[in-house]
PDB file of N, CA and C in Angstrom:
ATOM      1  N   MET A   1     106.647  79.109 179.218  1.00  0.00           N
ATOM      2  CA  MET A   1     106.669  79.623 178.018  1.00  0.00           C
ATOM      3  C   MET A   1     106.546  78.896 177.140  1.00  0.00           C
ATOM      4  N   ARG A   2     105.985  78.576 176.038  1.00  0.00           N
ATOM      5  CA  ARG A   2     106.520  77.678 174.746  1.00  0.00           C
ATOM      6  C   ARG A   2     107.780  77.880 173.919  1.00  0.00           C
ATOM      7  N   LEU A   3     108.828  76.803 174.548  1.00  0.00           N
ATOM      8  CA  LEU A   3     109.902  76.858 173.494  1.00  0.00           C
ATOM      9  C   LEU A   3     109.885  77.683 171.919  1.00  0.00           C
ATOM     10  N   ASP A   4     108.319  78.069 170.870  1.00  0.00           N
ATOM     11  CA  ASP A   4     108.864  78.499 170.016  1.00  0.00           C
ATOM     12  C   ASP A   4     108.611  80.147 170.304  1.00  0.00           C
ATOM     13  N   LYS A   5     107.804  80.330 171.101  1.00  0.00           N
ATOM     14  CA  LYS A   5     108.009  81.831 171.518  1.00  0.00           C
ATOM     15  C   LYS A   5     108.915  82.386 172.077  1.00  0.00           C
ATOM     16  N   PHE A   6     109.681  81.573 172.890  1.00  0.00           N
ATOM     17  CA  PHE A   6     111.438  81.465 174.011  1.00  0.00           C
ATOM     18  C   PHE A   6     112.235  81.902 172.714  1.00  0.00           C
ATOM     19  N   LEU A   7     112.170  81.350 171.237  1.00  0.00           N
ATOM     20  CA  LEU A   7     112.919  81.299 170.456  1.00  0.00           C
ATOM     21  C   LEU A   7     113.122  82.718 169.758  1.00  0.00           C
ATOM     22  N   LYS A   8     111.549  82.772 169.580  1.00  0.00           N
ATOM     23  CA  LYS A   8     111.601  84.334 168.956  1.00  0.00           C
ATOM     24  C   LYS A   8     111.977  85.321 169.882  1.00  0.00           C
ATOM     25  N   VAL A   9     111.485  85.619 170.953  1.00  0.00           N
ATOM     26  CA  VAL A   9     111.585  86.941 171.743  1.00  0.00           C
ATOM     27  C   VAL A   9     113.069  86.664 171.736  1.00  0.00           C
ATOM     28  N   SER A  10     114.199  85.464 172.129  1.00  0.00           N
ATOM     29  CA  SER A  10     115.250  85.869 172.746  1.00  0.00           C
ATOM     30  C   SER A  10     116.197  85.845 171.031  1.00  0.00           C
ATOM     31  N   ARG A  11     115.502  85.525 169.849  1.00  0.00           N
ATOM     32  CA  ARG A  11     116.226  86.214 168.890  1.00  0.00           C
ATOM     33  C   ARG A  11     116.817  85.029 168.358  1.00  0.00           C
ATOM     34  N   LEU A  12     117.082  84.076 169.265  1.00  0.00           N
ATOM     35  CA  LEU A  12     117.727  82.924 168.695  1.00  0.00           C
ATOM     36  C   LEU A  12     117.423  82.674 167.147  1.00  0.00           C
ATOM     37  N   ILE A  13     116.216  82.493 167.228  1.00  0.00           N
ATOM     38  CA  ILE A  13     115.413  82.098 165.676  1.00  0.00           C
ATOM     39  C   ILE A  13     114.637  83.573 165.806  1.00  0.00           C
ATOM     40  N   LYS A  14     114.817  84.099 164.208  1.00  0.00           N
ATOM     41  CA  LYS A  14     114.089  84.811 164.484  1.00  0.00           C
ATOM     42  C   LYS A  14     112.592  84.710 163.403  1.00  0.00           C
ATOM     43  N   ARG A  15     112.109  83.715 163.343  1.00  0.00           N
ATOM     44  CA  ARG A  15     110.495  83.865 163.240  1.00  0.00           C
ATOM     45  C   ARG A  15     110.056  82.990 164.100  1.00  0.00           C
ATOM     46  N   ARG A  16     108.955  82.852 164.635  1.00  0.00           N
ATOM     47  CA  ARG A  16     108.134  81.713 165.055  1.00  0.00           C
ATOM     48  C   ARG A  16     108.072  80.507 164.411  1.00  0.00           C
ATOM     49  N   THR A  17     106.901  80.753 163.314  1.00  0.00           N
ATOM     50  CA  THR A  17     107.115  79.818 162.204  1.00  0.00           C
ATOM     51  C   THR A  17     107.892  78.886 162.473  1.00  0.00           C
ATOM     52  N   LEU A  18     109.446  79.537 161.339  1.00  0.00           N
ATOM     53  CA  LEU A  18     110.539  78.696 161.474  1.00  0.00           C
ATOM     54  C   LEU A  18     110.648  78.194 162.794  1.00  0.00           C
ATOM     55  N   ALA A  19     110.927  78.619 164.154  1.00  0.00           N
ATOM     56  CA  ALA A  19     110.595  77.809 164.751  1.00  0.00           C
ATOM     57  C   ALA A  19     110.127  76.381 165.307  1.00  0.00           C
ATOM     58  N   LYS A  20     108.952  76.475 164.894  1.00  0.00           N
ATOM     59  CA  LYS A  20     107.975  75.676 165.401  1.00  0.00           C
ATOM     60  C   LYS A  20     108.541  74.853 164.286  1.00  0.00           C
ATOM     61  N   GLU A  21     108.764  74.965 163.246  1.00  0.00           N
ATOM     62  CA  GLU A  21     109.273  74.002 161.831  1.00  0.00           C
ATOM     63  C   GLU A  21     110.433  72.671 162.389  1.00  0.00           C
ATOM     64  N   VAL A  22     111.867  74.379 162.920  1.00  0.00           N
ATOM     65  CA  VAL A  22     113.111  73.349 163.416  1.00  0.00           C
ATOM     66  C   VAL A  22     112.724  72.798 164.758  1.00  0.00           C
ATOM     67  N   ALA A  23     112.073  72.925 165.296  1.00  0.00           N
ATOM     68  CA  ALA A  23     111.288  72.050 166.560  1.00  0.00           C
ATOM     69  C   ALA A  23     110.876  70.938 166.293  1.00  0.00           C
ATOM     70  N   ASP A  24     109.707  70.957 165.510  1.00  0.00           N
ATOM     71  CA  ASP A  24     108.809  69.420 164.601  1.00  0.00           C
ATOM     72  C   ASP A  24     109.565  68.761 164.327  1.00  0.00           C
ATOM     73  N   GLN A  25     110.836  69.396 163.485  1.00  0.00           N
ATOM     74  CA  GLN A  25     111.507  68.150 163.105  1.00  0.00           C
ATOM     75  C   GLN A  25     112.850  67.194 163.738  1.00  0.00           C
ATOM     76  N   GLY A  26     112.672  67.534 165.043  1.00  0.00           N
ATOM     77  CA  GLY A  26     113.095  66.886 165.882  1.00  0.00           C
ATOM     78  C   GLY A  26     114.457  67.441 166.254  1.00  0.00           C
ATOM     79  N   ARG A  27     114.530  68.862 165.788  1.00  0.00           N
ATOM     80  CA  ARG A  27     116.199  69.038 165.585  1.00  0.00           C
ATOM     81  C   ARG A  27     116.356  69.911 167.129  1.00  0.00           C
ATOM     82  N   ILE A  28     115.781  70.660 168.428  1.00  0.00           N
ATOM     83  CA  ILE A  28     115.769  71.354 169.181  1.00  0.00           C
ATOM     84  C   ILE A  28     115.426  70.185 170.533  1.00  0.00           C
ATOM     85  N   THR A  29     116.969  70.014 171.309  1.00  0.00           N
ATOM     86  CA  THR A  29     116.278  69.737 172.730  1.00  0.00           C
ATOM     87  C   THR A  29     116.390  70.269 174.213  1.00  0.00           C
ATOM     88  N   ILE A  30     115.757  69.837 174.937  1.00  0.00           N
ATOM     89  CA  ILE A  30     115.835  70.727 176.393  1.00  0.00           C
ATOM     90  C   ILE A  30     115.870  69.431 177.551  1.00  0.00           C
ATOM     91  N   ASN A  31     116.633  69.919 177.642  1.00  0.00           N
ATOM     92  CA  ASN A  31     117.190  68.763 178.739  1.00  0.00           C
ATOM     93  C   ASN A  31     117.667  67.453 178.326  1.00  0.00           C
ATOM     94  N   GLY A  32     118.037  67.525 177.219  1.00  0.00           N
ATOM     95  CA  GLY A  32     118.251  66.306 176.733  1.00  0.00           C
ATOM     96  C   GLY A  32     117.011  66.022 176.051  1.00  0.00           C
ATOM     97  N   THR A  33     116.070  65.853 176.093  1.00  0.00           N
ATOM     98  CA  THR A  33     115.303  65.842 175.577  1.00  0.00           C
ATOM     99  C   THR A  33     114.539  66.135 174.597  1.00  0.00           C
ATOM    100  N   ALA A  34     114.220  65.363 173.451  1.00  0.00           N
ATOM    101  CA  ALA A  34     113.345  66.400 172.231  1.00  0.00           C
ATOM    102  C   ALA A  34     112.003  66.994 172.246  1.00  0.00           C
ATOM    103  N   ALA A  35     112.423  67.640 171.753  1.00  0.00           N
ATOM    104  CA  ALA A  35     110.674  69.000 172.454  1.00  0.00           C
ATOM    105  C   ALA A  35     110.579  69.324 170.792  1.00  0.00           C
ATOM    106  N   LYS A  36     108.854  69.552 171.173  1.00  0.00           N
ATOM    107  CA  LYS A  36     108.114  70.310 170.161  1.00  0.00           C
ATOM    108  C   LYS A  36     107.748  72.301 170.429  1.00  0.00           C
ATOM    109  N   ALA A  37     107.541  72.276 169.070  1.00  0.00           N
ATOM    110  CA  ALA A  37     107.490  73.392 169.513  1.00  0.00           C
ATOM    111  C   ALA A  37     106.529  74.266 170.241  1.00  0.00           C
ATOM    112  N   SER A  38     105.441  73.163 171.327  1.00  0.00           N
ATOM    113  CA  SER A  38     104.492  73.407 171.834  1.00  0.00           C
ATOM    114  C   SER A  38     105.556  73.422 173.814  1.00  0.00           C
ATOM    115  N   SER A  39     106.436  72.995 174.008  1.00  0.00           N
ATOM    116  CA  SER A  39     107.048  72.336 174.579  1.00  0.00           C
ATOM    117  C   SER A  39     107.277  73.424 175.966  1.00  0.00           C
ATOM    118  N   ASN A  40     107.103  72.943 177.103  1.00  0.00           N
ATOM    119  CA  ASN A  40     107.671  74.666 178.239  1.00  0.00           C
ATOM    120  C   ASN A  40     108.954  74.784 178.175  1.00  0.00           C
ATOM    121  N   VAL A  41     109.056  75.927 178.250  1.00  0.00           N
ATOM    122  CA  VAL A  41     110.282  76.057 178.619  1.00  0.00           C
ATOM    123  C   VAL A  41     110.700  77.067 179.726  1.00  0.00           C
ATOM    124  N   LYS A  42     111.923  76.972 180.569  1.00  0.00           N
ATOM    125  CA  LYS A  42     111.551  77.385 182.310  1.00  0.00           C
ATOM    126  C   LYS A  42     112.992  77.770 182.713  1.00  0.00           C
ATOM    127  N   THR A  43     113.045  78.541 183.307  1.00  0.00           N
ATOM    128  CA  THR A  43     115.056  79.217 183.731  1.00  0.00           C
ATOM    129  C   THR A  43     115.638  78.154 184.242  1.00  0.00           C
ATOM    130  N   GLY A  44     116.556  77.601 183.354  1.00  0.00           N
ATOM    131  CA  GLY A  44     117.513  76.968 183.853  1.00  0.00           C
ATOM    132  C   GLY A  44     117.098  75.987 183.463  1.00  0.00           C
ATOM    133  N   ASP A  45     116.520  75.434 181.845  1.00  0.00           N
ATOM    134  CA  ASP A  45     116.496  74.669 181.021  1.00  0.00           C
ATOM    135  C   ASP A  45     118.294  74.610 179.819  1.00  0.00           C
ATOM    136  N   GLU A  46     118.342  73.448 179.584  1.00  0.00           N
ATOM    137  CA  GLU A  46     119.780  73.913 178.765  1.00  0.00           C
ATOM    138  C   GLU A  46     118.593  73.368 177.228  1.00  0.00           C
ATOM    139  N   LEU A  47     118.964  74.228 176.561  1.00  0.00           N
ATOM    140  CA  LEU A  47     118.365  73.981 174.865  1.00  0.00           C
ATOM    141  C   LEU A  47     120.073  73.567 174.047  1.00  0.00           C
ATOM    142  N   SER A  48     119.766  72.746 173.123  1.00  0.00           N
ATOM    143  CA  SER A  48     120.441  72.456 172.198  1.00  0.00           C
ATOM    144  C   SER A  48     119.874  72.742 170.469  1.00  0.00           C
ATOM    145  N   ILE A  49     119.931  73.267 170.200  1.00  0.00           N
ATOM    146  CA  ILE A  49     119.002  73.714 168.591  1.00  0.00           C
ATOM    147  C   ILE A  49     120.406  73.442 167.607  1.00  0.00           C
ATOM    148  N   ARG A  50     119.942  72.275 166.544  1.00  0.00           N
ATOM    149  CA  ARG A  50     120.800  72.144 165.425  1.00  0.00           C
ATOM    150  C   ARG A  50     120.135  73.030 164.372  1.00  0.00           C
ATOM    151  N   LEU A  51     120.872  73.906 163.862  1.00  0.00           N
ATOM    152  CA  LEU A  51     120.776  74.570 162.651  1.00  0.00           C
ATOM    153  C   LEU A  51     121.640  74.501 161.640  1.00  0.00           C
ATOM    154  N   GLY A  52     121.518  74.116 160.362  1.00  0.00           N
ATOM    155  CA  GLY A  52     122.483  74.067 159.541  1.00  0.00           C
ATOM    156  C   GLY A  52     123.712  72.365 160.175  1.00  0.00           C
ATOM    157  N   GLN A  53     125.032  73.302 159.427  1.00  0.00           N
ATOM    158  CA  GLN A  53     126.006  72.982 159.966  1.00  0.00           C
ATOM    159  C   GLN A  53     125.857  72.667 161.384  1.00  0.00           C
ATOM    160  N   ARG A  54     125.678  73.616 162.112  1.00  0.00           N
ATOM    161  CA  ARG A  54     125.833  73.424 163.848  1.00  0.00           C
ATOM    162  C   ARG A  54     125.111  73.659 164.747  1.00  0.00           C
ATOM    163  N   VAL A  55     125.565  73.145 166.178  1.00  0.00           N
ATOM    164  CA  VAL A  55     124.580  72.838 167.309  1.00  0.00           C
ATOM    165  C   VAL A  55     124.926  74.100 168.206  1.00  0.00           C
ATOM    166  N   ILE A  56     124.156  74.684 168.459  1.00  0.00           N
ATOM    167  CA  ILE A  56     124.214  75.771 169.738  1.00  0.00           C
ATOM    168  C   ILE A  56     123.948  75.012 171.018  1.00  0.00           C
ATOM    169  N   THR A  57     124.402  75.094 171.787  1.00  0.00           N
ATOM    170  CA  THR A  57     123.702  75.210 173.048  1.00  0.00           C
ATOM    171  C   THR A  57     123.480  76.130 174.135  1.00  0.00           C
ATOM    172  N   VAL A  58     122.260  76.370 175.232  1.00  0.00           N
ATOM    173  CA  VAL A  58     122.208  77.881 175.829  1.00  0.00           C
ATOM    174  C   VAL A  58     121.149  77.252 177.082  1.00  0.00           C
ATOM    175  N   ARG A  59     121.537  78.016 177.567  1.00  0.00           N
ATOM    176  CA  ARG A  59     121.089  77.841 179.362  1.00  0.00           C
ATOM    177  C   ARG A  59     119.868  79.046 179.202  1.00  0.00           C
ATOM    178  N   VAL A  60     118.529  78.982 180.033  1.00  0.00           N
ATOM    179  CA  VAL A  60     117.528  79.964 179.642  1.00  0.00           C
ATOM    180  C   VAL A  60     118.082  80.485 181.235  1.00  0.00           C
ATOM    181  N   GLU A  61     118.126  82.065 180.626  1.00  0.00           N
ATOM    182  CA  GLU A  61     118.616  82.436 181.976  1.00  0.00           C
ATOM    183  C   GLU A  61     117.224  83.522 182.705  1.00  0.00           C
ATOM    184  N   LYS A  62     116.681  83.720 181.977  1.00  0.00           N
ATOM    185  CA  LYS A  62     115.237  84.568 182.096  1.00  0.00           C
ATOM    186  C   LYS A  62     113.965  84.245 180.933  1.00  0.00           C
ATOM    187  N   LEU A  63     112.802  84.288 181.336  1.00  0.00           N
ATOM    188  CA  LEU A  63     111.743  84.690 180.350  1.00  0.00           C
ATOM    189  C   LEU A  63     111.290  85.989 180.718  1.00  0.00           C
ATOM    190  N   GLN A  64     111.072  86.339 178.980  1.00  0.00           N
ATOM    191  CA  GLN A  64     109.852  87.584 178.780  1.00  0.00           C
ATOM    192  C   GLN A  64     109.087  87.288 177.588  1.00  0.00           C
ATOM    193  N   GLU A  65     108.262  87.974 177.827  1.00  0.00           N
ATOM    194  CA  GLU A  65     106.694  88.126 176.811  1.00  0.00           C
ATOM    195  C   GLU A  65     107.536  89.077 175.691  1.00  0.00           C
ATOM    196  N   THR A  66     108.302  89.786 176.166  1.00  0.00           N
ATOM    197  CA  THR A  66     108.684  91.031 174.426  1.00  0.00           C
ATOM    198  C   THR A  66     110.137  91.378 175.466  1.00  0.00           C
ATOM    199  N   THR A  67     110.755  92.323 173.849  1.00  0.00           N
ATOM    200  CA  THR A  67     111.713  92.274 174.692  1.00  0.00           C
ATOM    201  C   THR A  67     112.763  93.198 173.287  1.00  0.00           C
ATOM    202  N   LYS A  68     113.595  94.002 174.189  1.00  0.00           N
ATOM    203  CA  LYS A  68     114.442  94.380 172.479  1.00  0.00           C
ATOM    204  C   LYS A  68     115.057  94.043 172.467  1.00  0.00           C
ATOM    205  N   LYS A  69     115.863  94.268 171.342  1.00  0.00           N
ATOM    206  CA  LYS A  69     117.021  93.740 170.146  1.00  0.00           C
ATOM    207  C   LYS A  69     118.270  93.896 171.407  1.00  0.00           C
ATOM    208  N   GLU A  70     118.356  94.225 172.047  1.00  0.00           N
ATOM    209  CA  GLU A  70     119.905  94.780 172.317  1.00  0.00           C
ATOM    210  C   GLU A  70     119.534  94.232 174.799  1.00  0.00           C
ATOM    211  N   GLU A  71     118.499  93.115 174.114  1.00  0.00           N
ATOM    212  CA  GLU A  71     118.471  92.820 175.703  1.00  0.00           C
ATOM    213  C   GLU A  71     118.204  91.200 175.542  1.00  0.00           C
ATOM    214  N   ALA A  72     117.485  91.082 174.030  1.00  0.00           N
ATOM    215  CA  ALA A  72     117.422  89.915 173.473  1.00  0.00           C
ATOM    216  C   ALA A  72     118.152  88.423 174.498  1.00  0.00           C
ATOM    217  N   ALA A  73     119.594  88.760 174.242  1.00  0.00           N
ATOM    218  CA  ALA A  73     120.964  87.707 174.327  1.00  0.00           C
ATOM    219  C   ALA A  73     120.940  87.835 175.681  1.00  0.00           C
ATOM    220  N   GLY A  74     120.664  89.121 176.605  1.00  0.00           N
ATOM    221  CA  GLY A  74     120.404  88.829 178.063  1.00  0.00           C
ATOM    222  C   GLY A  74     119.386  87.504 178.763  1.00  0.00           C
ATOM    223  N   MET A  75     118.554  87.079 177.391  1.00  0.00           N
ATOM    224  CA  MET A  75     117.503  85.763 178.126  1.00  0.00           C
ATOM    225  C   MET A  75     118.444  83.930 178.025  1.00  0.00           C
ATOM    226  N   TYR A  76     119.447  84.358 177.587  1.00  0.00           N
ATOM    227  CA  TYR A  76     119.827  82.905 177.314  1.00  0.00           C
ATOM    228  C   TYR A  76     121.503  83.362 177.269  1.00  0.00           C
ATOM    229  N   GLU A  77     122.169  81.735 177.966  1.00  0.00           N
ATOM    230  CA  GLU A  77     123.273  82.032 178.044  1.00  0.00           C
ATOM    231  C   GLU A  77     124.151  81.238 177.537  1.00  0.00           C
ATOM    232  N   LEU A  78     124.963  81.407 176.339  1.00  0.00           N
ATOM    233  CA  LEU A  78     125.842  80.951 175.567  1.00  0.00           C
ATOM    234  C   LEU A  78     126.663  79.781 176.112  1.00  0.00           C
ATOM    235  N   LEU A  79     126.336  78.078 176.070  1.00  0.00           N
ATOM    236  CA  LEU A  79     127.361  77.466 176.675  1.00  0.00           C
ATOM    237  C   LEU A  79     127.947  76.636 175.877  1.00  0.00           C
ATOM    238  N   LYS A  80     128.023  76.411 174.287  1.00  0.00           N
ATOM    239  CA  LYS A  80     129.001  76.351 173.314  1.00  0.00           C
ATOM    240  C   LYS A  80     128.146  76.133 171.669  1.00  0.00           C
ATOM    241  N   GLU A  81     129.243  76.632 170.950  1.00  0.00           N
ATOM    242  CA  GLU A  81     128.868  76.363 169.628  1.00  0.00           C
ATOM    243  C   GLU A  81     130.062  75.285 168.782  1.00  0.00           C
ATOM    244  N   GLU A  82     129.049  74.334 168.371  1.00  0.00           N
ATOM    245  CA  GLU A  82     129.747  73.843 167.326  1.00  0.00           C
ATOM    246  C   GLU A  82     129.629  73.291 166.063  1.00  0.00           C
ATOM    247  N   ARG A  83     130.081  72.845 165.359  1.00  0.00           N
ATOM    248  CA  ARG A  83     130.270  72.781 163.808  1.00  0.00           C
ATOM    249  C   ARG A  83     129.796  71.207 163.630  1.00  0.00           C
ATOM    250  N   ILE A  84     129.313  70.711 162.766  1.00  0.00           N
ATOM    251  CA  ILE A  84     128.926  69.415 162.818  1.00  0.00           C
ATOM    252  C   ILE A  84     129.690  69.002 161.366  1.00  0.00           C
ATOM    253  N   ASN A  85     129.851  67.719 161.383  1.00  0.00           N
ATOM    254  CA  ASN A  85     130.099  67.307 159.561  1.00  0.00           C
ATOM    255  C   ASN A  85     128.929  66.495 159.221  1.00  0.00           C
ATOM    256  N   GLU A  86     128.839  66.484 158.382  1.00  0.00           N
ATOM    257  CA  GLU A  86     127.903  65.395 158.197  1.00  0.00           C
ATOM    258  C   GLU A  86     127.973  64.345 156.324  1.00  0.00           C
TER     259      GLU A  86
END
């Protein structure tokens, strides 16, 4: 599954266009490697997403084309969330 689609479906980022912008700015890594919006995401991958003053690290648990709001959080496991001071 494409990275931008995963972020939207899992509701980590609300809109796919925003997910694409964040990825293209180099603010997302998959398993420590910089990722583009078109990068492929698979179960077990570790994503680090820098959003403003915080970094969210999650592990991909399952991939779904669509999901209900209540089930979206089940697509990933939150490993850590930290604030950064710039």
